[in-house]
């Protein structure tokens, strides 16, 4: 794979903000040639994304069992398991079926390669040599989408936690009300005991808020 000679003199693609809790998006780079992987890592340098490079489709499938990825850059033509077969496995797994795949391939000798890529589930297809800044821009879009999704998941989790706390407070208030009614109907030590219990329940409810 050749990505073109050097980087064009252009304004750098703006970096996107990392997701919640300092989570960093990851990009899976899949190519059977180590020099191509080094080139891809250089292209992505400076973006808020952690590149994870592997040299085969089988290695990519194993890595996808370990990590979650914002985008996959997948070489179409590899020995043993090629990019199309790898993409097919990725799209048949529940965990990874929605991870966007960008196919990368050498000069287009087969006009049907792009169609095969899209049929295998790719969201984009770039022919080498490609413009590094175009690839950076595309990766930035998917990293941004990943970060926004992580933020939405965090907000949803926070909402669920608040709802759970409110339900606990409601239960505590009902319990305190029952204890106060019991205290009202009782005399002496029993009334004081029930009142103390009610105050303790209300204190616990306050801590939940």
N, C-alpha and C. Protein backbone atom coordinates (compact mmCIF):
# COMPACT_ATOMS: atom_id res chain seq x y z
N UNK A 1 0.84 -1.19 0.00
CA UNK A 1 0.00 0.00 0.00
C UNK A 1 0.87 1.23 0.00
N UNK A 2 0.52 2.17 -0.82
CA UNK A 2 1.19 3.47 -0.80
C UNK A 2 0.14 4.52 -0.51
N UNK A 3 0.39 5.36 0.47
CA UNK A 3 -0.60 6.36 0.85
C UNK A 3 -0.32 7.70 0.22
N UNK A 4 0.67 7.77 -0.66
CA UNK A 4 0.99 9.06 -1.25
C UNK A 4 2.24 9.61 -0.60
N UNK A 5 2.89 10.50 -1.27
CA UNK A 5 4.16 11.03 -0.75
C UNK A 5 3.91 12.14 0.23
N UNK A 6 4.11 11.85 1.49
CA UNK A 6 4.05 12.88 2.53
C UNK A 6 2.65 13.42 2.73
N UNK A 7 2.56 14.48 3.56
CA UNK A 7 1.30 15.11 3.87
C UNK A 7 1.17 16.41 3.10
N UNK A 8 0.02 16.71 2.51
CA UNK A 8 -0.18 17.98 1.85
C UNK A 8 -0.15 19.12 2.85
N UNK A 9 0.14 20.29 2.36
CA UNK A 9 0.19 21.46 3.23
C UNK A 9 -1.21 22.02 3.37
N UNK A 10 -1.95 21.48 4.33
CA UNK A 10 -3.33 21.92 4.53
C UNK A 10 -3.57 22.20 6.00
N UNK A 11 -4.66 22.88 6.28
CA UNK A 11 -5.06 23.11 7.67
C UNK A 11 -5.43 21.78 8.30
N UNK A 12 -4.90 21.51 9.45
CA UNK A 12 -5.12 20.21 10.09
C UNK A 12 -6.58 20.05 10.47
N UNK A 13 -7.07 18.81 10.33
CA UNK A 13 -8.43 18.50 10.74
C UNK A 13 -8.56 18.76 12.24
N UNK A 14 -9.58 19.52 12.68
CA UNK A 14 -9.71 19.80 14.11
C UNK A 14 -9.88 18.54 14.92
N UNK A 15 -9.21 18.47 16.05
CA UNK A 15 -9.36 17.32 16.93
C UNK A 15 -10.71 17.38 17.61
N UNK A 16 -11.29 16.21 17.88
CA UNK A 16 -12.56 16.17 18.58
C UNK A 16 -12.31 15.89 20.05
N UNK A 17 -13.28 16.23 20.87
CA UNK A 17 -13.12 16.09 22.32
C UNK A 17 -13.28 14.63 22.71
N UNK A 18 -12.44 14.16 23.63
CA UNK A 18 -12.52 12.77 24.08
C UNK A 18 -13.81 12.54 24.83
N UNK A 19 -14.21 11.28 24.91
CA UNK A 19 -15.46 10.92 25.55
C UNK A 19 -15.42 11.06 27.05
N UNK A 20 -16.51 10.66 27.74
CA UNK A 20 -16.61 10.82 29.17
C UNK A 20 -15.57 10.00 29.90
N UNK A 21 -15.24 10.47 31.11
CA UNK A 21 -14.29 9.78 31.97
C UNK A 21 -12.95 9.52 31.27
N UNK A 22 -12.56 10.50 30.40
CA UNK A 22 -11.27 10.45 29.72
C UNK A 22 -11.11 9.23 28.82
N UNK A 23 -12.23 8.63 28.40
CA UNK A 23 -12.16 7.50 27.48
C UNK A 23 -11.62 7.99 26.14
N UNK A 24 -10.75 7.21 25.55
CA UNK A 24 -10.16 7.57 24.27
C UNK A 24 -10.63 6.59 23.22
N UNK A 25 -11.12 7.10 22.10
CA UNK A 25 -11.56 6.25 21.01
C UNK A 25 -10.37 5.49 20.43
N UNK A 26 -10.65 4.30 19.94
CA UNK A 26 -9.60 3.47 19.34
C UNK A 26 -9.94 3.18 17.88
N UNK A 27 -8.88 3.12 17.06
CA UNK A 27 -9.03 2.74 15.66
C UNK A 27 -8.25 1.46 15.42
N UNK A 28 -8.91 0.47 14.85
CA UNK A 28 -8.24 -0.80 14.55
C UNK A 28 -7.68 -0.74 13.13
N UNK A 29 -6.37 -0.89 13.01
CA UNK A 29 -5.69 -0.84 11.72
C UNK A 29 -5.32 -2.27 11.33
N UNK A 30 -5.78 -2.71 10.16
CA UNK A 30 -5.58 -4.10 9.75
C UNK A 30 -4.90 -4.13 8.38
N UNK A 31 -3.67 -4.62 8.35
CA UNK A 31 -2.92 -4.72 7.09
C UNK A 31 -1.83 -5.76 7.28
N UNK A 32 -1.57 -6.57 6.24
CA UNK A 32 -0.57 -7.62 6.38
C UNK A 32 0.85 -7.09 6.23
N UNK A 33 1.00 -5.82 5.87
CA UNK A 33 2.34 -5.24 5.73
C UNK A 33 2.60 -4.24 6.84
N UNK A 34 3.67 -4.46 7.58
CA UNK A 34 4.00 -3.62 8.74
C UNK A 34 4.26 -2.17 8.33
N UNK A 35 4.89 -1.96 7.17
CA UNK A 35 5.18 -0.59 6.75
C UNK A 35 3.89 0.19 6.47
N UNK A 36 2.87 -0.51 6.00
CA UNK A 36 1.58 0.15 5.78
C UNK A 36 0.95 0.56 7.10
N UNK A 37 1.08 -0.31 8.11
CA UNK A 37 0.54 0.02 9.44
C UNK A 37 1.25 1.22 10.03
N UNK A 38 2.56 1.28 9.85
CA UNK A 38 3.33 2.43 10.35
C UNK A 38 2.87 3.71 9.66
N UNK A 39 2.61 3.61 8.35
CA UNK A 39 2.14 4.78 7.60
C UNK A 39 0.77 5.24 8.11
N UNK A 40 -0.12 4.29 8.37
CA UNK A 40 -1.45 4.65 8.88
C UNK A 40 -1.36 5.30 10.25
N UNK A 41 -0.51 4.77 11.12
CA UNK A 41 -0.33 5.37 12.44
C UNK A 41 0.18 6.80 12.32
N UNK A 42 1.08 7.04 11.35
CA UNK A 42 1.60 8.39 11.14
C UNK A 42 0.50 9.33 10.66
N UNK A 43 -0.38 8.83 9.79
CA UNK A 43 -1.48 9.65 9.28
C UNK A 43 -2.43 10.07 10.40
N UNK A 44 -2.66 9.16 11.35
CA UNK A 44 -3.61 9.43 12.44
C UNK A 44 -2.98 10.20 13.60
N UNK A 45 -1.67 10.40 13.54
CA UNK A 45 -0.98 11.09 14.63
C UNK A 45 -1.58 12.48 14.85
N UNK A 46 -1.84 12.81 16.10
CA UNK A 46 -2.41 14.11 16.44
C UNK A 46 -3.91 14.09 16.62
N UNK A 47 -4.57 13.04 16.14
CA UNK A 47 -6.01 12.91 16.35
C UNK A 47 -6.26 12.27 17.72
N UNK A 48 -7.40 12.57 18.34
CA UNK A 48 -7.71 11.98 19.64
C UNK A 48 -8.19 10.54 19.50
N UNK A 49 -7.31 9.70 18.96
CA UNK A 49 -7.66 8.30 18.74
C UNK A 49 -6.42 7.45 18.98
N UNK A 50 -6.64 6.29 19.60
CA UNK A 50 -5.53 5.37 19.87
C UNK A 50 -5.51 4.28 18.80
N UNK A 51 -4.48 4.27 17.94
CA UNK A 51 -4.42 3.23 16.91
C UNK A 51 -3.97 1.89 17.49
N UNK A 52 -4.63 0.83 17.07
CA UNK A 52 -4.26 -0.53 17.45
C UNK A 52 -4.01 -1.29 16.15
N UNK A 53 -2.76 -1.68 15.90
CA UNK A 53 -2.38 -2.27 14.62
C UNK A 53 -2.25 -3.78 14.72
N UNK A 54 -2.84 -4.48 13.75
CA UNK A 54 -2.71 -5.94 13.65
C UNK A 54 -2.42 -6.29 12.19
N UNK A 55 -1.81 -7.47 11.98
CA UNK A 55 -1.32 -7.81 10.65
C UNK A 55 -2.10 -8.92 9.94
N UNK A 56 -3.29 -9.22 10.41
CA UNK A 56 -4.10 -10.23 9.73
C UNK A 56 -5.56 -10.08 10.13
N UNK A 57 -6.44 -10.67 9.31
CA UNK A 57 -7.86 -10.65 9.64
C UNK A 57 -8.15 -11.43 10.91
N UNK A 58 -7.46 -12.56 11.10
CA UNK A 58 -7.68 -13.36 12.31
C UNK A 58 -7.29 -12.58 13.55
N UNK A 59 -6.17 -11.86 13.47
CA UNK A 59 -5.74 -11.04 14.61
C UNK A 59 -6.74 -9.92 14.88
N UNK A 60 -7.32 -9.38 13.83
CA UNK A 60 -8.32 -8.32 14.00
C UNK A 60 -9.54 -8.85 14.75
N UNK A 61 -10.00 -10.04 14.36
CA UNK A 61 -11.17 -10.62 15.02
C UNK A 61 -10.90 -10.90 16.50
N UNK A 62 -9.68 -11.33 16.82
CA UNK A 62 -9.31 -11.55 18.23
C UNK A 62 -9.29 -10.23 18.99
N UNK A 63 -8.75 -9.18 18.37
CA UNK A 63 -8.66 -7.88 19.03
C UNK A 63 -10.05 -7.30 19.30
N UNK A 64 -10.97 -7.58 18.40
CA UNK A 64 -12.34 -7.07 18.55
C UNK A 64 -13.09 -7.76 19.69
N UNK A 65 -12.55 -8.88 20.18
CA UNK A 65 -13.13 -9.52 21.36
C UNK A 65 -12.66 -8.86 22.64
N UNK A 66 -11.58 -8.08 22.53
CA UNK A 66 -10.95 -7.47 23.71
C UNK A 66 -11.36 -6.02 23.88
N UNK A 67 -11.34 -5.26 22.76
CA UNK A 67 -11.55 -3.82 22.82
C UNK A 67 -12.76 -3.41 22.00
N UNK A 68 -13.26 -2.21 22.30
CA UNK A 68 -14.29 -1.56 21.48
C UNK A 68 -13.61 -0.51 20.63
N UNK A 69 -14.05 -0.37 19.38
CA UNK A 69 -13.39 0.53 18.44
C UNK A 69 -14.38 1.51 17.82
N UNK A 70 -13.87 2.71 17.55
CA UNK A 70 -14.67 3.73 16.90
C UNK A 70 -14.72 3.51 15.40
N UNK A 71 -13.66 2.93 14.83
CA UNK A 71 -13.58 2.72 13.39
C UNK A 71 -12.53 1.65 13.10
N UNK A 72 -12.70 0.96 11.98
CA UNK A 72 -11.74 -0.06 11.53
C UNK A 72 -11.23 0.34 10.15
N UNK A 73 -9.91 0.42 10.00
CA UNK A 73 -9.29 0.66 8.70
C UNK A 73 -8.77 -0.69 8.23
N UNK A 74 -9.37 -1.22 7.18
CA UNK A 74 -9.17 -2.62 6.81
C UNK A 74 -8.63 -2.75 5.39
N UNK A 75 -7.47 -3.36 5.27
CA UNK A 75 -6.90 -3.64 3.96
C UNK A 75 -7.73 -4.73 3.29
N UNK A 76 -8.13 -4.49 2.06
CA UNK A 76 -9.01 -5.44 1.37
C UNK A 76 -8.28 -6.69 0.94
N UNK A 77 -7.04 -6.54 0.49
CA UNK A 77 -6.32 -7.67 -0.10
C UNK A 77 -5.22 -8.15 0.84
N UNK A 78 -5.51 -9.24 1.55
CA UNK A 78 -4.56 -9.85 2.48
C UNK A 78 -4.54 -11.35 2.24
N UNK A 79 -3.42 -12.01 2.56
CA UNK A 79 -3.36 -13.47 2.40
C UNK A 79 -4.23 -14.16 3.45
N UNK A 80 -4.53 -15.42 3.18
CA UNK A 80 -5.36 -16.24 4.07
C UNK A 80 -6.77 -15.63 4.19
N UNK A 81 -7.05 -14.86 5.23
CA UNK A 81 -8.35 -14.22 5.37
C UNK A 81 -8.27 -12.80 4.84
N UNK A 82 -8.91 -12.51 3.70
CA UNK A 82 -8.82 -11.17 3.14
C UNK A 82 -9.77 -10.21 3.86
N UNK A 83 -9.74 -8.96 3.45
CA UNK A 83 -10.55 -7.96 4.14
C UNK A 83 -12.04 -8.21 4.03
N UNK A 84 -12.50 -8.74 2.90
CA UNK A 84 -13.92 -8.97 2.70
C UNK A 84 -14.44 -10.06 3.65
N UNK A 85 -13.66 -11.13 3.79
CA UNK A 85 -14.06 -12.19 4.72
C UNK A 85 -14.00 -11.69 6.16
N UNK A 86 -12.97 -10.91 6.46
CA UNK A 86 -12.85 -10.35 7.80
C UNK A 86 -14.04 -9.47 8.13
N UNK A 87 -14.42 -8.61 7.17
CA UNK A 87 -15.56 -7.72 7.38
C UNK A 87 -16.85 -8.51 7.58
N UNK A 88 -16.99 -9.61 6.84
CA UNK A 88 -18.18 -10.44 6.98
C UNK A 88 -18.30 -11.00 8.40
N UNK A 89 -17.17 -11.47 8.95
CA UNK A 89 -17.18 -11.97 10.34
C UNK A 89 -17.52 -10.84 11.32
N UNK A 90 -16.96 -9.67 11.08
CA UNK A 90 -17.20 -8.53 11.97
C UNK A 90 -18.69 -8.17 11.99
N UNK A 91 -19.30 -8.15 10.82
CA UNK A 91 -20.70 -7.75 10.71
C UNK A 91 -21.67 -8.82 11.21
N UNK A 92 -21.19 -10.05 11.36
CA UNK A 92 -22.06 -11.11 11.87
C UNK A 92 -21.99 -11.23 13.39
N UNK A 93 -21.08 -10.47 14.02
CA UNK A 93 -20.99 -10.49 15.48
C UNK A 93 -21.86 -9.36 16.05
N UNK A 94 -22.64 -9.69 17.04
CA UNK A 94 -23.52 -8.69 17.65
C UNK A 94 -22.73 -7.51 18.21
N UNK A 95 -21.60 -7.82 18.85
CA UNK A 95 -20.82 -6.76 19.51
C UNK A 95 -20.21 -5.78 18.51
N UNK A 96 -19.86 -6.26 17.32
CA UNK A 96 -19.08 -5.43 16.39
C UNK A 96 -19.83 -5.06 15.11
N UNK A 97 -21.05 -5.50 14.95
CA UNK A 97 -21.74 -5.32 13.68
C UNK A 97 -21.93 -3.85 13.30
N UNK A 98 -21.94 -2.96 14.31
CA UNK A 98 -22.17 -1.55 14.03
C UNK A 98 -20.88 -0.72 13.96
N UNK A 99 -19.72 -1.36 14.12
CA UNK A 99 -18.46 -0.62 14.03
C UNK A 99 -18.20 -0.26 12.56
N UNK A 100 -18.01 1.01 12.24
CA UNK A 100 -17.78 1.40 10.84
C UNK A 100 -16.45 0.88 10.30
N UNK A 101 -16.49 0.41 9.07
CA UNK A 101 -15.30 -0.14 8.40
C UNK A 101 -14.97 0.71 7.17
N UNK A 102 -13.73 1.17 7.09
CA UNK A 102 -13.23 1.83 5.90
C UNK A 102 -12.26 0.89 5.21
N UNK A 103 -12.59 0.45 4.01
CA UNK A 103 -11.70 -0.42 3.26
C UNK A 103 -10.60 0.38 2.59
N UNK A 104 -9.39 -0.16 2.63
CA UNK A 104 -8.25 0.43 1.94
C UNK A 104 -7.68 -0.63 1.00
N UNK A 105 -7.46 -0.26 -0.26
CA UNK A 105 -6.93 -1.25 -1.20
C UNK A 105 -5.99 -0.59 -2.20
N UNK A 106 -5.16 -1.42 -2.83
CA UNK A 106 -4.21 -0.92 -3.82
C UNK A 106 -4.95 -0.44 -5.06
N UNK A 107 -4.20 0.14 -6.01
CA UNK A 107 -4.79 0.68 -7.23
C UNK A 107 -5.82 -0.30 -7.78
N UNK A 108 -6.98 0.23 -8.12
CA UNK A 108 -8.14 -0.59 -8.43
C UNK A 108 -7.97 -1.36 -9.73
N UNK A 109 -7.59 -2.64 -9.58
CA UNK A 109 -7.47 -3.49 -10.75
C UNK A 109 -8.80 -4.18 -11.06
N UNK A 110 -9.69 -4.16 -10.12
CA UNK A 110 -10.98 -4.84 -10.29
C UNK A 110 -12.08 -3.84 -9.97
N UNK A 111 -12.88 -3.51 -10.95
CA UNK A 111 -13.93 -2.50 -10.75
C UNK A 111 -14.99 -2.96 -9.76
N UNK A 112 -15.01 -4.26 -9.46
CA UNK A 112 -16.02 -4.78 -8.53
C UNK A 112 -15.55 -4.78 -7.08
N UNK A 113 -14.29 -4.43 -6.83
CA UNK A 113 -13.79 -4.46 -5.46
C UNK A 113 -14.56 -3.52 -4.55
N UNK A 114 -14.83 -2.31 -5.02
CA UNK A 114 -15.58 -1.35 -4.20
C UNK A 114 -16.96 -1.89 -3.88
N UNK A 115 -17.62 -2.47 -4.87
CA UNK A 115 -18.95 -3.04 -4.64
C UNK A 115 -18.88 -4.18 -3.63
N UNK A 116 -17.83 -5.00 -3.71
CA UNK A 116 -17.65 -6.08 -2.73
C UNK A 116 -17.46 -5.50 -1.33
N UNK A 117 -16.72 -4.40 -1.26
CA UNK A 117 -16.49 -3.76 0.03
C UNK A 117 -17.78 -3.27 0.66
N UNK A 118 -18.59 -2.57 -0.11
CA UNK A 118 -19.86 -2.08 0.42
C UNK A 118 -20.80 -3.23 0.76
N UNK A 119 -20.78 -4.27 -0.07
CA UNK A 119 -21.63 -5.44 0.19
C UNK A 119 -21.21 -6.14 1.49
N UNK A 120 -19.91 -6.06 1.82
CA UNK A 120 -19.41 -6.69 3.05
C UNK A 120 -19.68 -5.85 4.28
N UNK A 121 -20.22 -4.64 4.09
CA UNK A 121 -20.58 -3.81 5.23
C UNK A 121 -19.73 -2.58 5.44
N UNK A 122 -18.87 -2.26 4.47
CA UNK A 122 -18.02 -1.06 4.61
C UNK A 122 -18.86 0.21 4.49
N UNK A 123 -18.46 1.24 5.23
CA UNK A 123 -19.12 2.53 5.09
C UNK A 123 -18.38 3.41 4.09
N UNK A 124 -17.12 3.04 3.76
CA UNK A 124 -16.35 3.80 2.79
C UNK A 124 -15.26 2.91 2.21
N UNK A 125 -14.69 3.37 1.09
CA UNK A 125 -13.71 2.57 0.36
C UNK A 125 -12.72 3.52 -0.28
N UNK A 126 -11.45 3.42 0.11
CA UNK A 126 -10.42 4.30 -0.43
C UNK A 126 -9.39 3.49 -1.21
N UNK A 127 -9.04 3.99 -2.38
CA UNK A 127 -8.04 3.33 -3.22
C UNK A 127 -6.69 3.99 -3.03
N UNK A 128 -5.67 3.20 -2.84
CA UNK A 128 -4.31 3.70 -2.66
C UNK A 128 -3.69 4.02 -4.02
N UNK A 129 -2.85 5.07 -4.09
CA UNK A 129 -2.54 5.99 -2.99
C UNK A 129 -3.68 6.98 -2.76
N UNK A 130 -4.01 7.20 -1.50
CA UNK A 130 -5.10 8.13 -1.17
C UNK A 130 -4.54 9.35 -0.45
N UNK A 131 -5.36 10.38 -0.39
CA UNK A 131 -4.98 11.62 0.28
C UNK A 131 -5.04 11.39 1.80
N UNK A 132 -3.91 11.50 2.52
CA UNK A 132 -3.92 11.27 3.97
C UNK A 132 -4.90 12.16 4.71
N UNK A 133 -5.09 13.38 4.22
CA UNK A 133 -5.99 14.30 4.92
C UNK A 133 -7.45 13.88 4.76
N UNK A 134 -7.77 13.25 3.66
CA UNK A 134 -9.12 12.72 3.48
C UNK A 134 -9.38 11.61 4.50
N UNK A 135 -8.40 10.73 4.66
CA UNK A 135 -8.55 9.66 5.63
C UNK A 135 -8.66 10.22 7.05
N UNK A 136 -7.84 11.20 7.38
CA UNK A 136 -7.91 11.83 8.71
C UNK A 136 -9.31 12.42 8.96
N UNK A 137 -9.85 13.08 7.94
CA UNK A 137 -11.17 13.69 8.09
C UNK A 137 -12.24 12.64 8.32
N UNK A 138 -12.16 11.53 7.58
CA UNK A 138 -13.15 10.47 7.74
C UNK A 138 -13.04 9.83 9.13
N UNK A 139 -11.82 9.56 9.57
CA UNK A 139 -11.63 8.98 10.89
C UNK A 139 -12.13 9.93 11.97
N UNK A 140 -11.89 11.23 11.80
CA UNK A 140 -12.35 12.22 12.78
C UNK A 140 -13.87 12.18 12.95
N UNK A 141 -14.58 12.00 11.83
CA UNK A 141 -16.04 11.93 11.90
C UNK A 141 -16.49 10.76 12.76
N UNK A 142 -15.89 9.59 12.55
CA UNK A 142 -16.31 8.40 13.30
C UNK A 142 -15.86 8.47 14.77
N UNK A 143 -14.72 9.10 15.02
CA UNK A 143 -14.29 9.30 16.40
C UNK A 143 -15.25 10.23 17.12
N UNK A 144 -15.67 11.28 16.43
CA UNK A 144 -16.62 12.22 17.01
C UNK A 144 -17.94 11.52 17.33
N UNK A 145 -18.42 10.69 16.41
CA UNK A 145 -19.65 9.94 16.65
C UNK A 145 -19.50 8.99 17.83
N UNK A 146 -18.34 8.34 17.93
CA UNK A 146 -18.10 7.43 19.05
C UNK A 146 -18.13 8.18 20.38
N UNK A 147 -17.48 9.34 20.41
CA UNK A 147 -17.46 10.13 21.65
C UNK A 147 -18.85 10.58 22.05
N UNK A 148 -19.63 11.01 21.07
CA UNK A 148 -21.00 11.44 21.38
C UNK A 148 -21.84 10.27 21.89
N UNK A 149 -21.64 9.10 21.31
CA UNK A 149 -22.36 7.91 21.78
C UNK A 149 -21.97 7.57 23.21
N UNK A 150 -20.67 7.66 23.52
CA UNK A 150 -20.22 7.39 24.89
C UNK A 150 -20.84 8.39 25.87
N UNK A 151 -20.92 9.65 25.46
CA UNK A 151 -21.52 10.66 26.32
C UNK A 151 -22.99 10.37 26.56
N UNK A 152 -23.70 9.94 25.52
CA UNK A 152 -25.12 9.61 25.67
C UNK A 152 -25.30 8.42 26.61
N UNK A 153 -24.41 7.41 26.49
CA UNK A 153 -24.49 6.26 27.38
C UNK A 153 -24.25 6.69 28.84
N UNK A 154 -23.28 7.58 29.04
CA UNK A 154 -22.98 8.05 30.40
C UNK A 154 -24.16 8.84 30.97
N UNK A 155 -24.78 9.67 30.13
CA UNK A 155 -25.93 10.45 30.58
C UNK A 155 -27.11 9.54 30.92
N UNK A 156 -27.29 8.50 30.10
CA UNK A 156 -28.38 7.55 30.36
C UNK A 156 -28.15 6.80 31.67
N UNK A 157 -26.89 6.42 31.92
CA UNK A 157 -26.55 5.73 33.16
C UNK A 157 -26.77 6.64 34.36
N UNK A 158 -26.39 7.92 34.23
CA UNK A 158 -26.60 8.88 35.32
C UNK A 158 -28.09 9.07 35.59
N UNK A 159 -28.89 9.10 34.53
CA UNK A 159 -30.34 9.25 34.69
C UNK A 159 -30.93 8.04 35.41
N UNK A 160 -30.47 6.84 35.02
CA UNK A 160 -30.95 5.62 35.69
C UNK A 160 -30.58 5.63 37.17
N UNK A 161 -29.37 6.10 37.48
CA UNK A 161 -28.94 6.15 38.88
C UNK A 161 -29.80 7.12 39.69
N UNK A 162 -30.13 8.28 39.08
CA UNK A 162 -30.97 9.25 39.77
C UNK A 162 -32.38 8.70 40.00
N UNK A 163 -32.90 8.03 38.96
CA UNK A 163 -34.24 7.45 39.10
C UNK A 163 -34.26 6.39 40.20
N UNK A 164 -33.21 5.59 40.28
CA UNK A 164 -33.13 4.57 41.32
C UNK A 164 -33.08 5.21 42.71
N UNK A 165 -32.30 6.30 42.82
CA UNK A 165 -32.20 7.00 44.11
C UNK A 165 -33.55 7.59 44.50
N UNK A 166 -34.27 8.14 43.53
CA UNK A 166 -35.58 8.74 43.83
C UNK A 166 -36.58 7.67 44.27
N UNK A 167 -36.50 6.49 43.63
CA UNK A 167 -37.39 5.41 44.06
C UNK A 167 -37.08 4.99 45.49
N UNK A 168 -35.78 4.94 45.82
CA UNK A 168 -35.37 4.58 47.18
C UNK A 168 -35.88 5.61 48.19
N UNK A 169 -35.81 6.89 47.81
CA UNK A 169 -36.30 7.95 48.69
C UNK A 169 -37.80 7.81 48.90
N UNK A 170 -38.53 7.50 47.83
CA UNK A 170 -39.97 7.33 47.94
C UNK A 170 -40.33 6.20 48.89
N UNK A 171 -39.61 5.09 48.78
CA UNK A 171 -39.85 3.96 49.69
C UNK A 171 -39.55 4.37 51.13
N UNK A 172 -38.46 5.11 51.32
CA UNK A 172 -38.08 5.54 52.68
C UNK A 172 -39.12 6.48 53.26
N UNK A 173 -39.65 7.38 52.44
CA UNK A 173 -40.67 8.31 52.93
C UNK A 173 -41.95 7.57 53.32
N UNK A 174 -42.31 6.56 52.55
CA UNK A 174 -43.49 5.77 52.90
C UNK A 174 -43.27 5.04 54.22
N UNK A 175 -42.06 4.49 54.39
CA UNK A 175 -41.74 3.79 55.63
C UNK A 175 -41.77 4.74 56.83
N UNK A 176 -41.21 5.94 56.64
CA UNK A 176 -41.21 6.92 57.73
C UNK A 176 -42.62 7.35 58.09
N UNK A 177 -43.46 7.50 57.07
CA UNK A 177 -44.85 7.89 57.32
C UNK A 177 -45.57 6.82 58.14
N UNK A 178 -45.34 5.56 57.82
CA UNK A 178 -45.96 4.47 58.58
C UNK A 178 -45.49 4.48 60.04
N UNK A 179 -44.17 4.73 60.23
CA UNK A 179 -43.63 4.78 61.60
C UNK A 179 -44.22 5.94 62.38
N UNK A 180 -44.40 7.08 61.74
CA UNK A 180 -44.97 8.24 62.42
C UNK A 180 -46.43 8.01 62.80
N UNK A 181 -47.15 7.33 61.91
CA UNK A 181 -48.55 7.02 62.25
C UNK A 181 -48.61 6.06 63.44
N UNK A 182 -47.67 5.10 63.47
CA UNK A 182 -47.61 4.17 64.60
C UNK A 182 -47.26 4.92 65.88
N UNK A 183 -46.30 5.85 65.78
CA UNK A 183 -45.90 6.64 66.95
C UNK A 183 -47.05 7.48 67.47
N UNK A 184 -47.86 8.01 66.55
CA UNK A 184 -48.99 8.86 66.95
C UNK A 184 -50.02 8.07 67.74
N UNK A 185 -50.14 6.80 67.37
CA UNK A 185 -51.15 5.97 68.05
C UNK A 185 -50.61 5.34 69.33
N UNK A 186 -49.31 5.42 69.55
CA UNK A 186 -48.70 4.78 70.71
C UNK A 186 -48.48 5.78 71.83
N UNK A 187 -48.00 5.26 72.97
CA UNK A 187 -47.73 6.12 74.13
C UNK A 187 -46.32 5.87 74.63
N UNK A 188 -45.75 6.86 75.29
CA UNK A 188 -44.51 6.71 76.02
C UNK A 188 -43.35 6.20 75.21
N UNK A 189 -42.71 5.13 75.75
CA UNK A 189 -41.47 4.61 75.16
C UNK A 189 -41.70 4.10 73.74
N UNK A 190 -42.86 3.48 73.50
CA UNK A 190 -43.14 2.97 72.16
C UNK A 190 -43.21 4.11 71.15
N UNK A 191 -43.85 5.19 71.51
CA UNK A 191 -43.97 6.35 70.61
C UNK A 191 -42.60 6.92 70.31
N UNK A 192 -41.76 7.06 71.37
CA UNK A 192 -40.42 7.60 71.16
C UNK A 192 -39.58 6.68 70.26
N UNK A 193 -39.73 5.35 70.46
CA UNK A 193 -38.99 4.39 69.65
C UNK A 193 -39.38 4.50 68.18
N UNK A 194 -40.69 4.59 67.93
CA UNK A 194 -41.15 4.69 66.55
C UNK A 194 -40.73 6.01 65.92
N UNK A 195 -40.73 7.08 66.73
CA UNK A 195 -40.30 8.39 66.24
C UNK A 195 -38.81 8.37 65.88
N UNK A 196 -38.00 7.72 66.73
CA UNK A 196 -36.56 7.61 66.45
C UNK A 196 -36.32 6.84 65.16
N UNK A 197 -37.09 5.77 64.96
CA UNK A 197 -36.95 4.98 63.74
C UNK A 197 -37.31 5.80 62.51
N UNK A 198 -38.39 6.59 62.65
CA UNK A 198 -38.81 7.42 61.53
C UNK A 198 -37.74 8.45 61.18
N UNK A 199 -37.14 9.05 62.20
CA UNK A 199 -36.09 10.04 61.97
C UNK A 199 -34.88 9.40 61.30
N UNK A 200 -34.56 8.17 61.70
CA UNK A 200 -33.43 7.46 61.10
C UNK A 200 -33.70 7.16 59.62
N UNK A 201 -34.93 6.76 59.32
CA UNK A 201 -35.30 6.49 57.93
C UNK A 201 -35.22 7.76 57.10
N UNK A 202 -35.69 8.87 57.63
CA UNK A 202 -35.64 10.15 56.92
C UNK A 202 -34.20 10.61 56.69
N UNK A 203 -33.32 10.33 57.67
CA UNK A 203 -31.91 10.69 57.52
C UNK A 203 -31.28 9.89 56.38
N UNK A 204 -31.64 8.60 56.30
CA UNK A 204 -31.11 7.77 55.21
C UNK A 204 -31.64 8.25 53.86
N UNK A 205 -32.90 8.66 53.84
CA UNK A 205 -33.48 9.17 52.59
C UNK A 205 -32.78 10.45 52.16
N UNK A 206 -32.42 11.28 53.13
CA UNK A 206 -31.73 12.53 52.80
C UNK A 206 -30.38 12.25 52.15
N UNK A 207 -29.70 11.19 52.63
CA UNK A 207 -28.41 10.85 52.06
C UNK A 207 -28.52 10.35 50.62
N UNK A 208 -29.69 9.83 50.26
CA UNK A 208 -29.90 9.34 48.90
C UNK A 208 -30.08 10.47 47.89
N UNK A 209 -30.48 11.63 48.38
CA UNK A 209 -30.76 12.75 47.47
C UNK A 209 -29.45 13.37 46.97
